Amino acid sequence: MSFTPQNLSELKVLMQFNSSTSLEGIKIHKSAAPELIAAAQHLHAGGFITQVDGGYLTQLGIETAEHAHSLFYLLNSGDHE
């Protein structure tokens, strides 16, 4: 099992959010990379974000973004032995 390119784009979008608050949103502009636009659309369809072009995290999105941030920090911590 491995991450698909779409999964990686979705993770990139989720990493743009501040997962510690639901009061900060993002906007994916029309000039963004097509894969990021598609990722935002897919995240919206899945109920992770409130708008097709970003918006705010839903409760599901907050939980998912927290996991994404945790995974990122674990993989990049440098404390692996």
N, C-alpha and C. Protein backbone atom coordinates (compact mmCIF):
# COMPACT_ATOMS: atom_id res chain seq x y z
N MET A 1 0.85 -1.17 0.00
CA MET A 1 0.00 0.00 0.00
C MET A 1 0.90 1.24 0.00
N SER A 2 0.50 2.22 -0.79
CA SER A 2 1.28 3.45 -0.82
C SER A 2 0.34 4.63 -1.09
N PHE A 3 0.85 5.81 -0.80
CA PHE A 3 0.10 7.02 -1.08
C PHE A 3 0.04 7.24 -2.59
N THR A 4 -1.11 7.65 -3.07
CA THR A 4 -1.25 8.01 -4.48
C THR A 4 -0.82 9.47 -4.64
N PRO A 5 -0.55 9.89 -5.87
CA PRO A 5 -0.26 11.32 -6.07
C PRO A 5 -1.41 12.21 -5.57
N GLN A 6 -2.66 11.75 -5.73
CA GLN A 6 -3.79 12.53 -5.23
C GLN A 6 -3.75 12.64 -3.71
N ASN A 7 -3.42 11.53 -3.03
CA ASN A 7 -3.29 11.57 -1.57
C ASN A 7 -2.24 12.58 -1.15
N LEU A 8 -1.11 12.59 -1.83
CA LEU A 8 -0.04 13.52 -1.47
C LEU A 8 -0.47 14.97 -1.68
N SER A 9 -1.21 15.23 -2.74
CA SER A 9 -1.73 16.58 -2.98
C SER A 9 -2.73 16.97 -1.90
N GLU A 10 -3.56 16.04 -1.49
CA GLU A 10 -4.52 16.31 -0.41
C GLU A 10 -3.79 16.61 0.89
N LEU A 11 -2.74 15.86 1.17
CA LEU A 11 -1.94 16.13 2.36
C LEU A 11 -1.30 17.52 2.29
N LYS A 12 -0.83 17.90 1.12
CA LYS A 12 -0.25 19.25 0.95
C LYS A 12 -1.28 20.32 1.27
N VAL A 13 -2.51 20.12 0.81
CA VAL A 13 -3.56 21.10 1.10
C VAL A 13 -3.86 21.10 2.59
N LEU A 14 -4.02 19.94 3.20
CA LEU A 14 -4.33 19.87 4.64
C LEU A 14 -3.23 20.51 5.48
N MET A 15 -1.98 20.39 5.04
CA MET A 15 -0.86 20.96 5.79
C MET A 15 -0.88 22.49 5.78
N GLN A 16 -1.64 23.09 4.87
CA GLN A 16 -1.73 24.55 4.82
C GLN A 16 -2.64 25.12 5.91
N PHE A 17 -3.47 24.25 6.48
CA PHE A 17 -4.40 24.69 7.52
C PHE A 17 -3.73 24.65 8.89
N ASN A 18 -4.16 25.54 9.76
CA ASN A 18 -3.78 25.51 11.17
C ASN A 18 -4.79 24.59 11.84
N SER A 19 -4.37 23.38 12.17
CA SER A 19 -5.31 22.39 12.69
C SER A 19 -5.70 22.64 14.14
N SER A 20 -5.08 23.61 14.79
CA SER A 20 -5.41 23.88 16.19
C SER A 20 -6.60 24.83 16.34
N THR A 21 -7.11 25.34 15.22
CA THR A 21 -8.26 26.24 15.29
C THR A 21 -9.14 26.07 14.06
N SER A 22 -10.41 26.26 14.24
CA SER A 22 -11.33 26.22 13.10
C SER A 22 -11.62 27.63 12.59
N LEU A 23 -10.92 28.62 13.13
CA LEU A 23 -11.17 30.02 12.78
C LEU A 23 -10.29 30.54 11.66
N GLU A 24 -9.32 29.74 11.22
CA GLU A 24 -8.42 30.14 10.15
C GLU A 24 -8.67 29.26 8.93
N GLY A 25 -8.93 29.88 7.81
CA GLY A 25 -9.15 29.14 6.59
C GLY A 25 -8.06 29.41 5.57
N ILE A 26 -8.21 28.79 4.41
CA ILE A 26 -7.29 29.03 3.29
C ILE A 26 -8.10 29.22 2.02
N LYS A 27 -7.44 29.72 0.99
CA LYS A 27 -8.06 29.89 -0.32
C LYS A 27 -7.10 29.32 -1.34
N ILE A 28 -7.58 28.37 -2.13
CA ILE A 28 -6.79 27.83 -3.24
C ILE A 28 -7.17 28.66 -4.46
N HIS A 29 -6.23 29.43 -4.96
CA HIS A 29 -6.51 30.33 -6.07
C HIS A 29 -6.59 29.57 -7.40
N LYS A 30 -7.25 30.19 -8.36
CA LYS A 30 -7.39 29.59 -9.69
C LYS A 30 -6.04 29.35 -10.35
N SER A 31 -5.03 30.11 -9.94
CA SER A 31 -3.71 29.98 -10.54
C SER A 31 -2.85 28.91 -9.85
N ALA A 32 -3.40 28.24 -8.84
CA ALA A 32 -2.66 27.18 -8.15
C ALA A 32 -2.44 25.99 -9.08
N ALA A 33 -1.53 25.13 -8.70
CA ALA A 33 -1.27 23.92 -9.48
C ALA A 33 -2.56 23.10 -9.62
N PRO A 34 -2.81 22.56 -10.79
CA PRO A 34 -4.04 21.81 -11.02
C PRO A 34 -4.26 20.67 -10.02
N GLU A 35 -3.19 20.02 -9.60
CA GLU A 35 -3.34 18.92 -8.65
C GLU A 35 -3.80 19.40 -7.27
N LEU A 36 -3.44 20.64 -6.90
CA LEU A 36 -3.90 21.20 -5.63
C LEU A 36 -5.36 21.63 -5.71
N ILE A 37 -5.75 22.16 -6.86
CA ILE A 37 -7.15 22.51 -7.07
C ILE A 37 -8.01 21.26 -7.00
N ALA A 38 -7.57 20.19 -7.66
CA ALA A 38 -8.30 18.92 -7.64
C ALA A 38 -8.34 18.33 -6.24
N ALA A 39 -7.24 18.47 -5.51
CA ALA A 39 -7.19 17.94 -4.14
C ALA A 39 -8.19 18.67 -3.25
N ALA A 40 -8.27 19.99 -3.38
CA ALA A 40 -9.23 20.76 -2.59
C ALA A 40 -10.65 20.35 -2.93
N GLN A 41 -10.93 20.15 -4.21
CA GLN A 41 -12.26 19.72 -4.62
C GLN A 41 -12.60 18.36 -4.02
N HIS A 42 -11.64 17.45 -4.02
CA HIS A 42 -11.86 16.12 -3.46
C HIS A 42 -12.04 16.17 -1.95
N LEU A 43 -11.26 17.01 -1.27
CA LEU A 43 -11.41 17.17 0.18
C LEU A 43 -12.78 17.75 0.52
N HIS A 44 -13.25 18.68 -0.29
CA HIS A 44 -14.58 19.26 -0.08
C HIS A 44 -15.65 18.19 -0.27
N ALA A 45 -15.54 17.41 -1.33
CA ALA A 45 -16.52 16.36 -1.61
C ALA A 45 -16.54 15.32 -0.49
N GLY A 46 -15.40 15.11 0.15
CA GLY A 46 -15.30 14.14 1.24
C GLY A 46 -15.71 14.69 2.60
N GLY A 47 -16.03 15.99 2.65
CA GLY A 47 -16.47 16.59 3.89
C GLY A 47 -15.35 17.03 4.83
N PHE A 48 -14.15 17.22 4.29
CA PHE A 48 -13.02 17.64 5.10
C PHE A 48 -12.90 19.16 5.20
N ILE A 49 -13.32 19.87 4.14
CA ILE A 49 -13.25 21.32 4.10
C ILE A 49 -14.59 21.88 3.65
N THR A 50 -14.84 23.14 4.00
CA THR A 50 -16.16 23.72 3.79
C THR A 50 -16.42 24.26 2.39
N GLN A 51 -15.37 24.58 1.65
CA GLN A 51 -15.54 25.16 0.32
C GLN A 51 -14.71 24.37 -0.69
N VAL A 52 -15.16 24.40 -1.93
CA VAL A 52 -14.47 23.67 -2.98
C VAL A 52 -13.06 24.22 -3.23
N ASP A 53 -12.83 25.48 -2.85
CA ASP A 53 -11.52 26.10 -3.04
C ASP A 53 -10.82 26.39 -1.71
N GLY A 54 -11.16 25.62 -0.69
CA GLY A 54 -10.51 25.79 0.61
C GLY A 54 -11.52 26.03 1.70
N GLY A 55 -11.64 27.28 2.12
CA GLY A 55 -12.56 27.59 3.21
C GLY A 55 -11.97 27.20 4.55
N TYR A 56 -12.76 26.52 5.33
CA TYR A 56 -12.36 26.12 6.68
C TYR A 56 -12.41 24.61 6.81
N LEU A 57 -11.70 24.10 7.80
CA LEU A 57 -11.77 22.67 8.10
C LEU A 57 -13.08 22.35 8.79
N THR A 58 -13.68 21.22 8.43
CA THR A 58 -14.81 20.69 9.17
C THR A 58 -14.23 19.95 10.38
N GLN A 59 -15.08 19.40 11.23
CA GLN A 59 -14.56 18.62 12.36
C GLN A 59 -13.73 17.43 11.87
N LEU A 60 -14.21 16.76 10.82
CA LEU A 60 -13.45 15.66 10.23
C LEU A 60 -12.12 16.18 9.68
N GLY A 61 -12.16 17.35 9.06
CA GLY A 61 -10.94 17.95 8.52
C GLY A 61 -9.94 18.32 9.59
N ILE A 62 -10.44 18.82 10.72
CA ILE A 62 -9.54 19.16 11.83
C ILE A 62 -8.81 17.92 12.32
N GLU A 63 -9.55 16.86 12.53
CA GLU A 63 -8.93 15.61 13.00
C GLU A 63 -7.93 15.08 11.98
N THR A 64 -8.29 15.14 10.70
CA THR A 64 -7.40 14.64 9.66
C THR A 64 -6.15 15.51 9.53
N ALA A 65 -6.32 16.83 9.60
CA ALA A 65 -5.16 17.72 9.51
C ALA A 65 -4.23 17.53 10.71
N GLU A 66 -4.80 17.28 11.89
CA GLU A 66 -3.96 17.00 13.06
C GLU A 66 -3.11 15.76 12.82
N HIS A 67 -3.71 14.73 12.25
CA HIS A 67 -2.95 13.51 11.94
C HIS A 67 -1.87 13.79 10.89
N ALA A 68 -2.22 14.58 9.89
CA ALA A 68 -1.25 14.92 8.84
C ALA A 68 -0.06 15.67 9.43
N HIS A 69 -0.35 16.64 10.29
CA HIS A 69 0.74 17.40 10.93
C HIS A 69 1.58 16.49 11.81
N SER A 70 0.95 15.60 12.56
CA SER A 70 1.70 14.66 13.41
C SER A 70 2.60 13.77 12.58
N LEU A 71 2.07 13.23 11.51
CA LEU A 71 2.87 12.37 10.63
C LEU A 71 4.07 13.14 10.07
N PHE A 72 3.83 14.35 9.62
CA PHE A 72 4.90 15.18 9.08
C PHE A 72 6.01 15.37 10.12
N TYR A 73 5.62 15.76 11.34
CA TYR A 73 6.62 16.02 12.37
C TYR A 73 7.35 14.76 12.79
N LEU A 74 6.66 13.63 12.85
CA LEU A 74 7.31 12.37 13.19
C LEU A 74 8.33 11.96 12.13
N LEU A 75 7.96 12.11 10.86
CA LEU A 75 8.87 11.73 9.78
C LEU A 75 10.05 12.67 9.65
N ASN A 76 9.91 13.89 10.13
CA ASN A 76 10.96 14.89 9.97
C ASN A 76 11.65 15.28 11.27
N SER A 77 11.45 14.50 12.31
CA SER A 77 11.98 14.88 13.63
C SER A 77 13.48 14.69 13.76
N GLY A 78 14.06 13.79 12.99
CA GLY A 78 15.49 13.56 13.11
C GLY A 78 15.88 12.74 14.32
N ASP A 79 14.93 12.32 15.11
CA ASP A 79 15.21 11.54 16.32
C ASP A 79 15.00 10.04 16.10
N HIS A 80 15.12 9.60 14.87
CA HIS A 80 14.90 8.20 14.57
C HIS A 80 16.13 7.39 14.94
N GLU A 81 15.90 6.29 15.58
CA GLU A 81 17.04 5.43 15.94
C GLU A 81 16.71 4.00 15.60
